[in-house]
Each structure stands twice: as C-alpha cells, then as structure tokens.
Amino acid sequence: MVLNQAIKFAELSKNRVLTLNEENLKLQDKIVQIKLVNRAKWVLIRYLNMTENQAHKYIEQQAMERRVSKKKIAEKILKMYEH
C-alpha cells in the first residue's frame, strides 16, 4: 500500500518535472525571439529611420503576411543589414 503510493507520487513528480521542463524550453525560446525582434527593430530604426513603433508593426505585418514567425522575419532583417 505504502509502496504503491510512493510509486504514484514518483510518477506524478516525474510528470510535473517533464511539464516544467517543456514550459522552460518554451520560455527560453520566447526570450530568444524577443531579443531577436528587438535587435531587428533597432536595425530598422537605424538604417530605415523608422520609429520603434513603426519597426515593431513592420515586423508583425511581415510575419503575418508571410505566415512565418516574427523570429524568422527578425533573422532575415538581421542577416540583410548586419554583416
């Protein structure tokens, strides 16, 4: 009886750790995306004289029109303007 409870508790703990690890990876990816988008915004501000708001809207609009992530758009912008 106690052994069964311990096994169930261990399984629940393992599942919770796996879920937290997945959430952690998603959050890390989100941080990378935010950093890339911010860098791309500053590139647009610098080279195309956009405001921060214009640069942000441009990236969002391109992502929506091309049906890709903002991260992909930011990567393309950075590749184009940063050597």
N, C-alpha and C. Protein backbone atom coordinates (compact mmCIF):
# COMPACT_ATOMS: atom_id res chain seq x y z
N MET A 1 0.83 -1.19 0.00
CA MET A 1 0.00 0.00 0.00
C MET A 1 0.87 1.25 0.00
N VAL A 2 1.80 1.33 0.94
CA VAL A 2 2.69 2.50 1.01
C VAL A 2 3.59 2.54 -0.22
N LEU A 3 4.03 1.36 -0.66
CA LEU A 3 4.88 1.29 -1.85
C LEU A 3 4.13 1.80 -3.08
N ASN A 4 2.86 1.42 -3.22
CA ASN A 4 2.04 1.88 -4.35
C ASN A 4 1.88 3.40 -4.31
N GLN A 5 1.65 3.95 -3.14
CA GLN A 5 1.52 5.40 -3.00
C GLN A 5 2.83 6.10 -3.36
N ALA A 6 3.94 5.52 -2.94
CA ALA A 6 5.24 6.10 -3.25
C ALA A 6 5.51 6.07 -4.76
N ILE A 7 5.11 4.98 -5.40
CA ILE A 7 5.29 4.86 -6.85
C ILE A 7 4.42 5.88 -7.57
N LYS A 8 3.17 6.02 -7.15
CA LYS A 8 2.28 7.00 -7.77
C LYS A 8 2.81 8.42 -7.56
N PHE A 9 3.31 8.69 -6.38
CA PHE A 9 3.87 10.01 -6.10
C PHE A 9 5.09 10.28 -6.99
N ALA A 10 5.92 9.26 -7.17
CA ALA A 10 7.12 9.39 -8.01
C ALA A 10 6.72 9.65 -9.46
N GLU A 11 5.70 8.96 -9.94
CA GLU A 11 5.21 9.16 -11.31
C GLU A 11 4.66 10.57 -11.49
N LEU A 12 3.88 11.02 -10.53
CA LEU A 12 3.33 12.38 -10.59
C LEU A 12 4.45 13.42 -10.56
N SER A 13 5.43 13.19 -9.73
CA SER A 13 6.56 14.11 -9.65
C SER A 13 7.33 14.14 -10.96
N LYS A 14 7.55 12.99 -11.55
CA LYS A 14 8.25 12.90 -12.83
C LYS A 14 7.48 13.65 -13.91
N ASN A 15 6.18 13.45 -13.97
CA ASN A 15 5.34 14.14 -14.96
C ASN A 15 5.39 15.64 -14.76
N ARG A 16 5.38 16.07 -13.52
CA ARG A 16 5.42 17.51 -13.23
C ARG A 16 6.76 18.10 -13.67
N VAL A 17 7.84 17.39 -13.42
CA VAL A 17 9.17 17.86 -13.83
C VAL A 17 9.25 17.94 -15.35
N LEU A 18 8.72 16.95 -16.04
CA LEU A 18 8.72 16.97 -17.51
C LEU A 18 7.92 18.16 -18.04
N THR A 19 6.76 18.41 -17.44
CA THR A 19 5.94 19.55 -17.84
C THR A 19 6.68 20.86 -17.60
N LEU A 20 7.32 20.99 -16.46
CA LEU A 20 8.07 22.21 -16.16
C LEU A 20 9.25 22.39 -17.11
N ASN A 21 9.90 21.30 -17.49
CA ASN A 21 11.00 21.38 -18.45
C ASN A 21 10.50 21.86 -19.81
N GLU A 22 9.35 21.36 -20.24
CA GLU A 22 8.77 21.80 -21.51
C GLU A 22 8.43 23.29 -21.46
N GLU A 23 7.83 23.72 -20.37
CA GLU A 23 7.49 25.13 -20.21
C GLU A 23 8.76 25.99 -20.21
N ASN A 24 9.79 25.50 -19.56
CA ASN A 24 11.06 26.21 -19.51
C ASN A 24 11.65 26.39 -20.92
N LEU A 25 11.61 25.35 -21.72
CA LEU A 25 12.12 25.43 -23.09
C LEU A 25 11.32 26.42 -23.92
N LYS A 26 10.01 26.42 -23.75
CA LYS A 26 9.16 27.37 -24.47
C LYS A 26 9.49 28.81 -24.06
N LEU A 27 9.69 29.03 -22.78
CA LEU A 27 10.02 30.37 -22.30
C LEU A 27 11.39 30.82 -22.80
N GLN A 28 12.35 29.89 -22.82
CA GLN A 28 13.67 30.23 -23.34
C GLN A 28 13.60 30.61 -24.81
N ASP A 29 12.80 29.89 -25.59
CA ASP A 29 12.61 30.21 -27.00
C ASP A 29 11.95 31.58 -27.15
N LYS A 30 11.01 31.87 -26.30
CA LYS A 30 10.32 33.16 -26.34
C LYS A 30 11.31 34.30 -26.04
N ILE A 31 12.21 34.09 -25.09
CA ILE A 31 13.22 35.10 -24.76
C ILE A 31 14.13 35.34 -25.97
N VAL A 32 14.54 34.27 -26.62
CA VAL A 32 15.38 34.39 -27.81
C VAL A 32 14.65 35.18 -28.88
N GLN A 33 13.36 34.87 -29.07
CA GLN A 33 12.55 35.58 -30.07
C GLN A 33 12.47 37.06 -29.75
N ILE A 34 12.20 37.39 -28.51
CA ILE A 34 12.08 38.80 -28.11
C ILE A 34 13.39 39.54 -28.35
N LYS A 35 14.51 38.91 -27.99
CA LYS A 35 15.81 39.54 -28.20
C LYS A 35 16.08 39.78 -29.69
N LEU A 36 15.78 38.78 -30.53
CA LEU A 36 15.99 38.93 -31.96
C LEU A 36 15.11 40.02 -32.55
N VAL A 37 13.85 40.03 -32.15
CA VAL A 37 12.92 41.04 -32.66
C VAL A 37 13.38 42.44 -32.23
N ASN A 38 13.83 42.58 -31.00
CA ASN A 38 14.32 43.87 -30.54
C ASN A 38 15.55 44.32 -31.32
N ARG A 39 16.48 43.39 -31.57
CA ARG A 39 17.67 43.74 -32.37
C ARG A 39 17.27 44.15 -33.77
N ALA A 40 16.32 43.43 -34.35
CA ALA A 40 15.86 43.75 -35.71
C ALA A 40 15.15 45.11 -35.73
N LYS A 41 14.39 45.39 -34.69
CA LYS A 41 13.74 46.71 -34.63
C LYS A 41 14.78 47.81 -34.63
N TRP A 42 15.84 47.66 -33.85
CA TRP A 42 16.86 48.70 -33.78
C TRP A 42 17.62 48.82 -35.09
N VAL A 43 17.76 47.73 -35.83
CA VAL A 43 18.37 47.79 -37.16
C VAL A 43 17.47 48.61 -38.09
N LEU A 44 16.17 48.35 -38.05
CA LEU A 44 15.24 49.11 -38.89
C LEU A 44 15.23 50.58 -38.50
N ILE A 45 15.30 50.85 -37.23
CA ILE A 45 15.34 52.24 -36.76
C ILE A 45 16.61 52.92 -37.28
N ARG A 46 17.70 52.22 -37.20
CA ARG A 46 19.00 52.80 -37.59
C ARG A 46 19.10 53.00 -39.10
N TYR A 47 18.77 51.96 -39.88
CA TYR A 47 19.01 52.01 -41.32
C TYR A 47 17.85 52.56 -42.14
N LEU A 48 16.64 52.42 -41.63
CA LEU A 48 15.47 52.89 -42.39
C LEU A 48 14.76 54.06 -41.72
N ASN A 49 15.35 54.57 -40.67
CA ASN A 49 14.80 55.73 -39.95
C ASN A 49 13.35 55.53 -39.51
N MET A 50 13.02 54.32 -39.11
CA MET A 50 11.68 54.05 -38.59
C MET A 50 11.65 54.41 -37.11
N THR A 51 10.45 54.65 -36.61
CA THR A 51 10.29 54.76 -35.17
C THR A 51 10.24 53.34 -34.62
N GLU A 52 10.35 53.21 -33.30
CA GLU A 52 10.27 51.87 -32.71
C GLU A 52 8.92 51.24 -32.99
N ASN A 53 7.87 52.05 -32.90
CA ASN A 53 6.52 51.55 -33.16
C ASN A 53 6.37 51.10 -34.61
N GLN A 54 6.90 51.89 -35.55
CA GLN A 54 6.83 51.51 -36.97
C GLN A 54 7.60 50.21 -37.22
N ALA A 55 8.77 50.10 -36.63
CA ALA A 55 9.58 48.89 -36.81
C ALA A 55 8.86 47.66 -36.25
N HIS A 56 8.25 47.82 -35.08
CA HIS A 56 7.52 46.71 -34.46
C HIS A 56 6.35 46.29 -35.36
N LYS A 57 5.59 47.27 -35.84
CA LYS A 57 4.45 46.96 -36.71
C LYS A 57 4.91 46.32 -38.02
N TYR A 58 6.03 46.79 -38.54
CA TYR A 58 6.57 46.23 -39.78
C TYR A 58 6.89 44.75 -39.60
N ILE A 59 7.57 44.42 -38.53
CA ILE A 59 7.93 43.02 -38.27
C ILE A 59 6.68 42.17 -38.10
N GLU A 60 5.72 42.66 -37.33
CA GLU A 60 4.47 41.91 -37.14
C GLU A 60 3.74 41.72 -38.46
N GLN A 61 3.68 42.78 -39.26
CA GLN A 61 2.97 42.72 -40.53
C GLN A 61 3.64 41.73 -41.49
N GLN A 62 4.97 41.78 -41.57
CA GLN A 62 5.69 40.85 -42.44
C GLN A 62 5.47 39.40 -42.01
N ALA A 63 5.50 39.18 -40.71
CA ALA A 63 5.28 37.82 -40.19
C ALA A 63 3.89 37.32 -40.55
N MET A 64 2.90 38.21 -40.43
CA MET A 64 1.53 37.82 -40.72
C MET A 64 1.35 37.58 -42.22
N GLU A 65 1.87 38.48 -43.04
CA GLU A 65 1.70 38.34 -44.49
C GLU A 65 2.42 37.11 -45.03
N ARG A 66 3.59 36.82 -44.50
CA ARG A 66 4.38 35.69 -44.99
C ARG A 66 4.08 34.39 -44.26
N ARG A 67 3.25 34.50 -43.24
CA ARG A 67 2.86 33.34 -42.44
C ARG A 67 4.07 32.62 -41.84
N VAL A 68 4.96 33.42 -41.28
CA VAL A 68 6.12 32.89 -40.57
C VAL A 68 6.19 33.61 -39.22
N SER A 69 7.05 33.14 -38.37
CA SER A 69 7.17 33.74 -37.04
C SER A 69 7.89 35.09 -37.12
N LYS A 70 7.67 35.90 -36.11
CA LYS A 70 8.40 37.17 -36.00
C LYS A 70 9.89 36.90 -35.89
N LYS A 71 10.23 35.79 -35.28
CA LYS A 71 11.64 35.40 -35.14
C LYS A 71 12.29 35.23 -36.50
N LYS A 72 11.60 34.57 -37.44
CA LYS A 72 12.14 34.36 -38.78
C LYS A 72 12.31 35.69 -39.51
N ILE A 73 11.35 36.58 -39.37
CA ILE A 73 11.45 37.89 -40.01
C ILE A 73 12.63 38.65 -39.42
N ALA A 74 12.75 38.62 -38.11
CA ALA A 74 13.85 39.31 -37.44
C ALA A 74 15.19 38.76 -37.91
N GLU A 75 15.29 37.44 -38.04
CA GLU A 75 16.53 36.82 -38.52
C GLU A 75 16.88 37.29 -39.93
N LYS A 76 15.86 37.40 -40.80
CA LYS A 76 16.09 37.87 -42.17
C LYS A 76 16.55 39.32 -42.18
N ILE A 77 15.94 40.15 -41.36
CA ILE A 77 16.33 41.56 -41.27
C ILE A 77 17.78 41.67 -40.80
N LEU A 78 18.11 40.93 -39.75
CA LEU A 78 19.47 40.98 -39.22
C LEU A 78 20.49 40.48 -40.25
N LYS A 79 20.13 39.43 -40.96
CA LYS A 79 21.03 38.90 -41.98
C LYS A 79 21.25 39.92 -43.09
N MET A 80 20.20 40.65 -43.43
CA MET A 80 20.29 41.63 -44.52
C MET A 80 21.15 42.84 -44.14
N TYR A 81 21.02 43.32 -42.90
CA TYR A 81 21.67 44.56 -42.52
C TYR A 81 22.94 44.39 -41.69
N GLU A 82 23.08 43.29 -41.02
CA GLU A 82 24.28 43.06 -40.21
C GLU A 82 25.18 42.09 -40.95
N HIS A 83 26.43 42.42 -41.03
CA HIS A 83 27.35 41.58 -41.79
C HIS A 83 28.07 40.65 -40.87
